[in-house]
Amino acid sequence: ASFKIWNTATVGGNICMSLPAGPMI
């Protein structure tokens, strides 16, 4: 992802989205 996403997207959000490709998962 871009630096904009890196500075906005959260660890918890990635896990709670529960997409198979979620790298925080």
mmCIF file of all heavy atoms, coordinates in Angstrom:
data_MODEL
# 
_entry.id   MODEL 
# 
loop_
_atom_site.group_PDB 
_atom_site.id 
_atom_site.type_symbol 
_atom_site.label_atom_id 
_atom_site.label_alt_id 
_atom_site.label_comp_id 
_atom_site.label_asym_id 
_atom_site.label_entity_id 
_atom_site.label_seq_id 
_atom_site.pdbx_PDB_ins_code 
_atom_site.Cartn_x 
_atom_site.Cartn_y 
_atom_site.Cartn_z 
_atom_site.occupancy 
_atom_site.B_iso_or_equiv 
_atom_site.pdbx_formal_charge 
_atom_site.auth_seq_id 
_atom_site.auth_comp_id 
_atom_site.auth_asym_id 
_atom_site.auth_atom_id 
_atom_site.pdbx_PDB_model_num 
ATOM 1   N N   . ALA A 1 1  ? 0.827   -1.201  0.000  1.00 0.00 ? 1  ALA A N   1 
ATOM 2   C CA  . ALA A 1 1  ? 0.000   0.000   0.000  1.00 0.00 ? 1  ALA A CA  1 
ATOM 3   C C   . ALA A 1 1  ? 0.864   1.254   0.000  1.00 0.00 ? 1  ALA A C   1 
ATOM 4   O O   . ALA A 1 1  ? 2.044   1.218   0.329  1.00 0.00 ? 1  ALA A O   1 
ATOM 5   C CB  . ALA A 1 1  ? -0.920  -0.009  1.219  1.00 0.00 ? 1  ALA A CB  1 
ATOM 6   N N   . SER A 1 2  ? 0.251   2.380   -0.319 1.00 0.00 ? 2  SER A N   1 
ATOM 7   C CA  . SER A 1 2  ? 0.953   3.657   -0.328 1.00 0.00 ? 2  SER A CA  1 
ATOM 8   C C   . SER A 1 2  ? 1.231   4.118   1.096  1.00 0.00 ? 2  SER A C   1 
ATOM 9   O O   . SER A 1 2  ? 0.658   3.605   2.059  1.00 0.00 ? 2  SER A O   1 
ATOM 10  C CB  . SER A 1 2  ? 0.107   4.710   -1.042 1.00 0.00 ? 2  SER A CB  1 
ATOM 11  O OG  . SER A 1 2  ? -1.033  5.044   -0.245 1.00 0.00 ? 2  SER A OG  1 
ATOM 12  N N   . PHE A 1 3  ? 2.095   5.136   1.211  1.00 0.00 ? 3  PHE A N   1 
ATOM 13  C CA  . PHE A 1 3  ? 2.411   5.662   2.534  1.00 0.00 ? 3  PHE A CA  1 
ATOM 14  C C   . PHE A 1 3  ? 1.163   6.243   3.192  1.00 0.00 ? 3  PHE A C   1 
ATOM 15  O O   . PHE A 1 3  ? 1.046   6.265   4.419  1.00 0.00 ? 3  PHE A O   1 
ATOM 16  C CB  . PHE A 1 3  ? 3.515   6.714   2.440  1.00 0.00 ? 3  PHE A CB  1 
ATOM 17  C CG  . PHE A 1 3  ? 3.083   8.035   1.869  1.00 0.00 ? 3  PHE A CG  1 
ATOM 18  C CD1 . PHE A 1 3  ? 2.650   9.064   2.697  1.00 0.00 ? 3  PHE A CD1 1 
ATOM 19  C CD2 . PHE A 1 3  ? 3.092   8.249   0.496  1.00 0.00 ? 3  PHE A CD2 1 
ATOM 20  C CE1 . PHE A 1 3  ? 2.249   10.280  2.171  1.00 0.00 ? 3  PHE A CE1 1 
ATOM 21  C CE2 . PHE A 1 3  ? 2.685   9.467   -0.032 1.00 0.00 ? 3  PHE A CE2 1 
ATOM 22  C CZ  . PHE A 1 3  ? 2.258   10.478  0.803  1.00 0.00 ? 3  PHE A CZ  1 
ATOM 23  N N   . LYS A 1 4  ? 0.213   6.721   2.392  1.00 0.00 ? 4  LYS A N   1 
ATOM 24  C CA  . LYS A 1 4  ? -1.029  7.253   2.952  1.00 0.00 ? 4  LYS A CA  1 
ATOM 25  C C   . LYS A 1 4  ? -1.797  6.155   3.686  1.00 0.00 ? 4  LYS A C   1 
ATOM 26  O O   . LYS A 1 4  ? -2.321  6.366   4.785  1.00 0.00 ? 4  LYS A O   1 
ATOM 27  C CB  . LYS A 1 4  ? -1.895  7.856   1.848  1.00 0.00 ? 4  LYS A CB  1 
ATOM 28  C CG  . LYS A 1 4  ? -1.311  9.096   1.193  1.00 0.00 ? 4  LYS A CG  1 
ATOM 29  C CD  . LYS A 1 4  ? -2.248  9.630   0.117  1.00 0.00 ? 4  LYS A CD  1 
ATOM 30  C CE  . LYS A 1 4  ? -1.672  10.864  -0.556 1.00 0.00 ? 4  LYS A CE  1 
ATOM 31  N NZ  . LYS A 1 4  ? -2.568  11.383  -1.613 1.00 0.00 ? 4  LYS A NZ  1 
ATOM 32  N N   . ILE A 1 5  ? -1.867  4.991   3.063  1.00 0.00 ? 5  ILE A N   1 
ATOM 33  C CA  . ILE A 1 5  ? -2.562  3.866   3.704  1.00 0.00 ? 5  ILE A CA  1 
ATOM 34  C C   . ILE A 1 5  ? -1.793  3.411   4.932  1.00 0.00 ? 5  ILE A C   1 
ATOM 35  O O   . ILE A 1 5  ? -2.376  3.154   5.988  1.00 0.00 ? 5  ILE A O   1 
ATOM 36  C CB  . ILE A 1 5  ? -2.745  2.703   2.705  1.00 0.00 ? 5  ILE A CB  1 
ATOM 37  C CG1 . ILE A 1 5  ? -3.617  3.136   1.528  1.00 0.00 ? 5  ILE A CG1 1 
ATOM 38  C CG2 . ILE A 1 5  ? -3.341  1.496   3.407  1.00 0.00 ? 5  ILE A CG2 1 
ATOM 39  C CD1 . ILE A 1 5  ? -5.020  3.528   1.901  1.00 0.00 ? 5  ILE A CD1 1 
ATOM 40  N N   . TRP A 1 6  ? -0.467  3.304   4.812  1.00 0.00 ? 6  TRP A N   1 
ATOM 41  C CA  . TRP A 1 6  ? 0.359   2.873   5.950  1.00 0.00 ? 6  TRP A CA  1 
ATOM 42  C C   . TRP A 1 6  ? 0.145   3.772   7.168  1.00 0.00 ? 6  TRP A C   1 
ATOM 43  O O   . TRP A 1 6  ? 0.147   3.297   8.298  1.00 0.00 ? 6  TRP A O   1 
ATOM 44  C CB  . TRP A 1 6  ? 1.839   2.920   5.551  1.00 0.00 ? 6  TRP A CB  1 
ATOM 45  C CG  . TRP A 1 6  ? 2.353   1.650   4.989  1.00 0.00 ? 6  TRP A CG  1 
ATOM 46  C CD1 . TRP A 1 6  ? 1.729   0.830   4.095  1.00 0.00 ? 6  TRP A CD1 1 
ATOM 47  C CD2 . TRP A 1 6  ? 3.611   1.034   5.279  1.00 0.00 ? 6  TRP A CD2 1 
ATOM 48  N NE1 . TRP A 1 6  ? 2.518   -0.242  3.787  1.00 0.00 ? 6  TRP A NE1 1 
ATOM 49  C CE2 . TRP A 1 6  ? 3.681   -0.142  4.497  1.00 0.00 ? 6  TRP A CE2 1 
ATOM 50  C CE3 . TRP A 1 6  ? 4.680   1.373   6.081  1.00 0.00 ? 6  TRP A CE3 1 
ATOM 51  C CZ2 . TRP A 1 6  ? 4.781   -0.990  4.535  1.00 0.00 ? 6  TRP A CZ2 1 
ATOM 52  C CZ3 . TRP A 1 6  ? 5.783   0.532   6.112  1.00 0.00 ? 6  TRP A CZ3 1 
ATOM 53  C CH2 . TRP A 1 6  ? 5.831   -0.632  5.353  1.00 0.00 ? 6  TRP A CH2 1 
ATOM 54  N N   . ASN A 1 7  ? -0.035  5.060   6.938  1.00 0.00 ? 7  ASN A N   1 
ATOM 55  C CA  . ASN A 1 7  ? -0.172  6.004   8.046  1.00 0.00 ? 7  ASN A CA  1 
ATOM 56  C C   . ASN A 1 7  ? -1.610  6.141   8.537  1.00 0.00 ? 7  ASN A C   1 
ATOM 57  O O   . ASN A 1 7  ? -1.864  6.907   9.466  1.00 0.00 ? 7  ASN A O   1 
ATOM 58  C CB  . ASN A 1 7  ? 0.378   7.372   7.635  1.00 0.00 ? 7  ASN A CB  1 
ATOM 59  C CG  . ASN A 1 7  ? 1.889   7.410   7.671  1.00 0.00 ? 7  ASN A CG  1 
ATOM 60  O OD1 . ASN A 1 7  ? 2.486   7.570   8.735  1.00 0.00 ? 7  ASN A OD1 1 
ATOM 61  N ND2 . ASN A 1 7  ? 2.513   7.257   6.523  1.00 0.00 ? 7  ASN A ND2 1 
ATOM 62  N N   . THR A 1 8  ? -2.523  5.413   7.925  1.00 0.00 ? 8  THR A N   1 
ATOM 63  C CA  . THR A 1 8  ? -3.931  5.485   8.321  1.00 0.00 ? 8  THR A CA  1 
ATOM 64  C C   . THR A 1 8  ? -4.479  4.128   8.730  1.00 0.00 ? 8  THR A C   1 
ATOM 65  O O   . THR A 1 8  ? -5.167  4.015   9.747  1.00 0.00 ? 8  THR A O   1 
ATOM 66  C CB  . THR A 1 8  ? -4.773  6.062   7.164  1.00 0.00 ? 8  THR A CB  1 
ATOM 67  O OG1 . THR A 1 8  ? -4.227  7.312   6.750  1.00 0.00 ? 8  THR A OG1 1 
ATOM 68  C CG2 . THR A 1 8  ? -6.216  6.273   7.608  1.00 0.00 ? 8  THR A CG2 1 
ATOM 69  N N   . ALA A 1 9  ? -4.201  3.091   7.953  1.00 0.00 ? 9  ALA A N   1 
ATOM 70  C CA  . ALA A 1 9  ? -4.724  1.749   8.237  1.00 0.00 ? 9  ALA A CA  1 
ATOM 71  C C   . ALA A 1 9  ? -4.197  1.246   9.574  1.00 0.00 ? 9  ALA A C   1 
ATOM 72  O O   . ALA A 1 9  ? -3.046  1.483   9.935  1.00 0.00 ? 9  ALA A O   1 
ATOM 73  C CB  . ALA A 1 9  ? -4.323  0.788   7.121  1.00 0.00 ? 9  ALA A CB  1 
ATOM 74  N N   . THR A 1 10 ? -5.032  0.536   10.300 1.00 0.00 ? 10 THR A N   1 
ATOM 75  C CA  . THR A 1 10 ? -4.673  0.079   11.642 1.00 0.00 ? 10 THR A CA  1 
ATOM 76  C C   . THR A 1 10 ? -4.553  -1.436  11.707 1.00 0.00 ? 10 THR A C   1 
ATOM 77  O O   . THR A 1 10 ? -5.154  -2.163  10.911 1.00 0.00 ? 10 THR A O   1 
ATOM 78  C CB  . THR A 1 10 ? -5.716  0.540   12.666 1.00 0.00 ? 10 THR A CB  1 
ATOM 79  O OG1 . THR A 1 10 ? -6.995  -0.030  12.331 1.00 0.00 ? 10 THR A OG1 1 
ATOM 80  C CG2 . THR A 1 10 ? -5.833  2.060   12.691 1.00 0.00 ? 10 THR A CG2 1 
ATOM 81  N N   . VAL A 1 11 ? -3.798  -1.877  12.690 1.00 0.00 ? 11 VAL A N   1 
ATOM 82  C CA  . VAL A 1 11 ? -3.635  -3.310  12.925 1.00 0.00 ? 11 VAL A CA  1 
ATOM 83  C C   . VAL A 1 11 ? -4.994  -3.941  13.234 1.00 0.00 ? 11 VAL A C   1 
ATOM 84  O O   . VAL A 1 11 ? -5.366  -4.981  12.671 1.00 0.00 ? 11 VAL A O   1 
ATOM 85  C CB  . VAL A 1 11 ? -2.650  -3.560  14.076 1.00 0.00 ? 11 VAL A CB  1 
ATOM 86  C CG1 . VAL A 1 11 ? -2.584  -5.041  14.419 1.00 0.00 ? 11 VAL A CG1 1 
ATOM 87  C CG2 . VAL A 1 11 ? -1.262  -3.033  13.711 1.00 0.00 ? 11 VAL A CG2 1 
ATOM 88  N N   . GLY A 1 12 ? -5.748  -3.306  14.131 1.00 0.00 ? 12 GLY A N   1 
ATOM 89  C CA  . GLY A 1 12 ? -7.045  -3.846  14.507 1.00 0.00 ? 12 GLY A CA  1 
ATOM 90  C C   . GLY A 1 12 ? -8.026  -3.857  13.360 1.00 0.00 ? 12 GLY A C   1 
ATOM 91  O O   . GLY A 1 12 ? -8.811  -4.805  13.201 1.00 0.00 ? 12 GLY A O   1 
ATOM 92  N N   . GLY A 1 13 ? -8.002  -2.808  12.547 1.00 0.00 ? 13 GLY A N   1 
ATOM 93  C CA  . GLY A 1 13 ? -8.906  -2.762  11.407 1.00 0.00 ? 13 GLY A CA  1 
ATOM 94  C C   . GLY A 1 13 ? -8.638  -3.885  10.435 1.00 0.00 ? 13 GLY A C   1 
ATOM 95  O O   . GLY A 1 13 ? -9.570  -4.505  9.905  1.00 0.00 ? 13 GLY A O   1 
ATOM 96  N N   . ASN A 1 14 ? -7.364  -4.173  10.187 1.00 0.00 ? 14 ASN A N   1 
ATOM 97  C CA  . ASN A 1 14 ? -7.012  -5.253  9.269  1.00 0.00 ? 14 ASN A CA  1 
ATOM 98  C C   . ASN A 1 14 ? -7.469  -6.606  9.795  1.00 0.00 ? 14 ASN A C   1 
ATOM 99  O O   . ASN A 1 14 ? -7.983  -7.444  9.040  1.00 0.00 ? 14 ASN A O   1 
ATOM 100 C CB  . ASN A 1 14 ? -5.500  -5.252  9.039  1.00 0.00 ? 14 ASN A CB  1 
ATOM 101 C CG  . ASN A 1 14 ? -5.068  -6.220  7.965  1.00 0.00 ? 14 ASN A CG  1 
ATOM 102 O OD1 . ASN A 1 14 ? -4.464  -7.255  8.252  1.00 0.00 ? 14 ASN A OD1 1 
ATOM 103 N ND2 . ASN A 1 14 ? -5.382  -5.918  6.713  1.00 0.00 ? 14 ASN A ND2 1 
ATOM 104 N N   . ILE A 1 15 ? -7.336  -6.808  11.089 1.00 0.00 ? 15 ILE A N   1 
ATOM 105 C CA  . ILE A 1 15 ? -7.758  -8.070  11.685 1.00 0.00 ? 15 ILE A CA  1 
ATOM 106 C C   . ILE A 1 15 ? -9.282  -8.183  11.685 1.00 0.00 ? 15 ILE A C   1 
ATOM 107 O O   . ILE A 1 15 ? -9.848  -9.232  11.366 1.00 0.00 ? 15 ILE A O   1 
ATOM 108 C CB  . ILE A 1 15 ? -7.181  -8.216  13.106 1.00 0.00 ? 15 ILE A CB  1 
ATOM 109 C CG1 . ILE A 1 15 ? -5.655  -8.376  13.028 1.00 0.00 ? 15 ILE A CG1 1 
ATOM 110 C CG2 . ILE A 1 15 ? -7.803  -9.403  13.839 1.00 0.00 ? 15 ILE A CG2 1 
ATOM 111 C CD1 . ILE A 1 15 ? -4.956  -8.364  14.373 1.00 0.00 ? 15 ILE A CD1 1 
ATOM 112 N N   . CYS A 1 16 ? -9.959  -7.087  12.027 1.00 0.00 ? 16 CYS A N   1 
ATOM 113 C CA  . CYS A 1 16 ? -11.426 -7.130  12.097 1.00 0.00 ? 16 CYS A CA  1 
ATOM 114 C C   . CYS A 1 16 ? -12.075 -7.232  10.723 1.00 0.00 ? 16 CYS A C   1 
ATOM 115 O O   . CYS A 1 16 ? -13.181 -7.773  10.608 1.00 0.00 ? 16 CYS A O   1 
ATOM 116 C CB  . CYS A 1 16 ? -11.954 -5.912  12.835 1.00 0.00 ? 16 CYS A CB  1 
ATOM 117 S SG  . CYS A 1 16 ? -11.595 -5.924  14.602 1.00 0.00 ? 16 CYS A SG  1 
ATOM 118 N N   . MET A 1 17 ? -11.429 -6.735  9.680  1.00 0.00 ? 17 MET A N   1 
ATOM 119 C CA  . MET A 1 17 ? -11.952 -6.931  8.332  1.00 0.00 ? 17 MET A CA  1 
ATOM 120 C C   . MET A 1 17 ? -11.970 -8.409  7.975  1.00 0.00 ? 17 MET A C   1 
ATOM 121 O O   . MET A 1 17 ? -12.812 -8.872  7.219  1.00 0.00 ? 17 MET A O   1 
ATOM 122 C CB  . MET A 1 17 ? -11.100 -6.170  7.314  1.00 0.00 ? 17 MET A CB  1 
ATOM 123 C CG  . MET A 1 17 ? -11.518 -4.729  7.102  1.00 0.00 ? 17 MET A CG  1 
ATOM 124 S SD  . MET A 1 17 ? -13.204 -4.554  6.458  1.00 0.00 ? 17 MET A SD  1 
ATOM 125 C CE  . MET A 1 17 ? -13.039 -5.297  4.850  1.00 0.00 ? 17 MET A CE  1 
ATOM 126 N N   . SER A 1 18 ? -10.996 -9.144  8.511  1.00 0.00 ? 18 SER A N   1 
ATOM 127 C CA  . SER A 1 18 ? -10.952 -10.603 8.385  1.00 0.00 ? 18 SER A CA  1 
ATOM 128 C C   . SER A 1 18 ? -10.904 -11.075 6.936  1.00 0.00 ? 18 SER A C   1 
ATOM 129 O O   . SER A 1 18 ? -11.495 -12.101 6.587  1.00 0.00 ? 18 SER A O   1 
ATOM 130 C CB  . SER A 1 18 ? -12.139 -11.239 9.121  1.00 0.00 ? 18 SER A CB  1 
ATOM 131 O OG  . SER A 1 18 ? -12.126 -10.876 10.485 1.00 0.00 ? 18 SER A OG  1 
ATOM 132 N N   . LEU A 1 19 ? -10.198 -10.336 6.112  1.00 0.00 ? 19 LEU A N   1 
ATOM 133 C CA  . LEU A 1 19 ? -9.950  -10.799 4.751  1.00 0.00 ? 19 LEU A CA  1 
ATOM 134 C C   . LEU A 1 19 ? -8.869  -11.879 4.787  1.00 0.00 ? 19 LEU A C   1 
ATOM 135 O O   . LEU A 1 19 ? -7.921  -11.784 5.581  1.00 0.00 ? 19 LEU A O   1 
ATOM 136 C CB  . LEU A 1 19 ? -9.482  -9.643  3.870  1.00 0.00 ? 19 LEU A CB  1 
ATOM 137 C CG  . LEU A 1 19 ? -10.512 -8.545  3.587  1.00 0.00 ? 19 LEU A CG  1 
ATOM 138 C CD1 . LEU A 1 19 ? -9.841  -7.362  2.897  1.00 0.00 ? 19 LEU A CD1 1 
ATOM 139 C CD2 . LEU A 1 19 ? -11.651 -9.076  2.734  1.00 0.00 ? 19 LEU A CD2 1 
ATOM 140 N N   . PRO A 1 20 ? -8.969  -12.908 3.955  1.00 0.00 ? 20 PRO A N   1 
ATOM 141 C CA  . PRO A 1 20 ? -7.932  -13.948 3.947  1.00 0.00 ? 20 PRO A CA  1 
ATOM 142 C C   . PRO A 1 20 ? -6.526  -13.390 3.776  1.00 0.00 ? 20 PRO A C   1 
ATOM 143 O O   . PRO A 1 20 ? -5.570  -13.921 4.342  1.00 0.00 ? 20 PRO A O   1 
ATOM 144 C CB  . PRO A 1 20 ? -8.342  -14.837 2.769  1.00 0.00 ? 20 PRO A CB  1 
ATOM 145 C CG  . PRO A 1 20 ? -9.825  -14.693 2.704  1.00 0.00 ? 20 PRO A CG  1 
ATOM 146 C CD  . PRO A 1 20 ? -10.087 -13.246 3.048  1.00 0.00 ? 20 PRO A CD  1 
ATOM 147 N N   . ALA A 1 21 ? -6.393  -12.306 2.986  1.00 0.00 ? 21 ALA A N   1 
ATOM 148 C CA  . ALA A 1 21 ? -5.066  -11.748 2.707  1.00 0.00 ? 21 ALA A CA  1 
ATOM 149 C C   . ALA A 1 21 ? -4.594  -10.760 3.757  1.00 0.00 ? 21 ALA A C   1 
ATOM 150 O O   . ALA A 1 21 ? -3.531  -10.158 3.590  1.00 0.00 ? 21 ALA A O   1 
ATOM 151 C CB  . ALA A 1 21 ? -5.085  -11.066 1.340  1.00 0.00 ? 21 ALA A CB  1 
ATOM 152 N N   . GLY A 1 22 ? -5.332  -10.576 4.841  1.00 0.00 ? 22 GLY A N   1 
ATOM 153 C CA  . GLY A 1 22 ? -4.936  -9.611  5.862  1.00 0.00 ? 22 GLY A CA  1 
ATOM 154 C C   . GLY A 1 22 ? -3.602  -9.966  6.498  1.00 0.00 ? 22 GLY A C   1 
ATOM 155 O O   . GLY A 1 22 ? -3.511  -10.934 7.259  1.00 0.00 ? 22 GLY A O   1 
ATOM 156 N N   . PRO A 1 23 ? -2.534  -9.193  6.256  1.00 0.00 ? 23 PRO A N   1 
ATOM 157 C CA  . PRO A 1 23 ? -1.208  -9.573  6.751  1.00 0.00 ? 23 PRO A CA  1 
ATOM 158 C C   . PRO A 1 23 ? -1.046  -9.423  8.259  1.00 0.00 ? 23 PRO A C   1 
ATOM 159 O O   . PRO A 1 23 ? -0.176  -10.074 8.842  1.00 0.00 ? 23 PRO A O   1 
ATOM 160 C CB  . PRO A 1 23 ? -0.260  -8.653  5.993  1.00 0.00 ? 23 PRO A CB  1 
ATOM 161 C CG  . PRO A 1 23 ? -1.085  -7.468  5.624  1.00 0.00 ? 23 PRO A CG  1 
ATOM 162 C CD  . PRO A 1 23 ? -2.458  -7.988  5.394  1.00 0.00 ? 23 PRO A CD  1 
ATOM 163 N N   . MET A 1 24 ? -1.861  -8.576  8.903  1.00 0.00 ? 24 MET A N   1 
ATOM 164 C CA  . MET A 1 24 ? -1.787  -8.495  10.357 1.00 0.00 ? 24 MET A CA  1 
ATOM 165 C C   . MET A 1 24 ? -2.374  -9.754  10.997 1.00 0.00 ? 24 MET A C   1 
ATOM 166 O O   . MET A 1 24 ? -1.965  -10.163 12.089 1.00 0.00 ? 24 MET A O   1 
ATOM 167 C CB  . MET A 1 24 ? -2.505  -7.256  10.867 1.00 0.00 ? 24 MET A CB  1 
ATOM 168 C CG  . MET A 1 24 ? -1.918  -5.936  10.381 1.00 0.00 ? 24 MET A CG  1 
ATOM 169 S SD  . MET A 1 24 ? -0.208  -5.646  10.960 1.00 0.00 ? 24 MET A SD  1 
ATOM 170 C CE  . MET A 1 24 ? 0.766   -6.225  9.552  1.00 0.00 ? 24 MET A CE  1 
ATOM 171 N N   . ILE A 1 25 ? -3.311  -10.375 10.302 1.00 0.00 ? 25 ILE A N   1 
ATOM 172 C CA  . ILE A 1 25 ? -3.834  -11.673 10.731 1.00 0.00 ? 25 ILE A CA  1 
ATOM 173 C C   . ILE A 1 25 ? -2.724  -12.713 10.634 1.00 0.00 ? 25 ILE A C   1 
ATOM 174 O O   . ILE A 1 25 ? -2.539  -13.533 11.544 1.00 0.00 ? 25 ILE A O   1 
ATOM 175 C CB  . ILE A 1 25 ? -5.034  -12.084 9.864  1.00 0.00 ? 25 ILE A CB  1 
ATOM 176 C CG1 . ILE A 1 25 ? -6.172  -11.065 9.997  1.00 0.00 ? 25 ILE A CG1 1 
ATOM 177 C CG2 . ILE A 1 25 ? -5.524  -13.479 10.227 1.00 0.00 ? 25 ILE A CG2 1 
ATOM 178 C CD1 . ILE A 1 25 ? -7.284  -11.255 8.982  1.00 0.00 ? 25 ILE A CD1 1 
# 
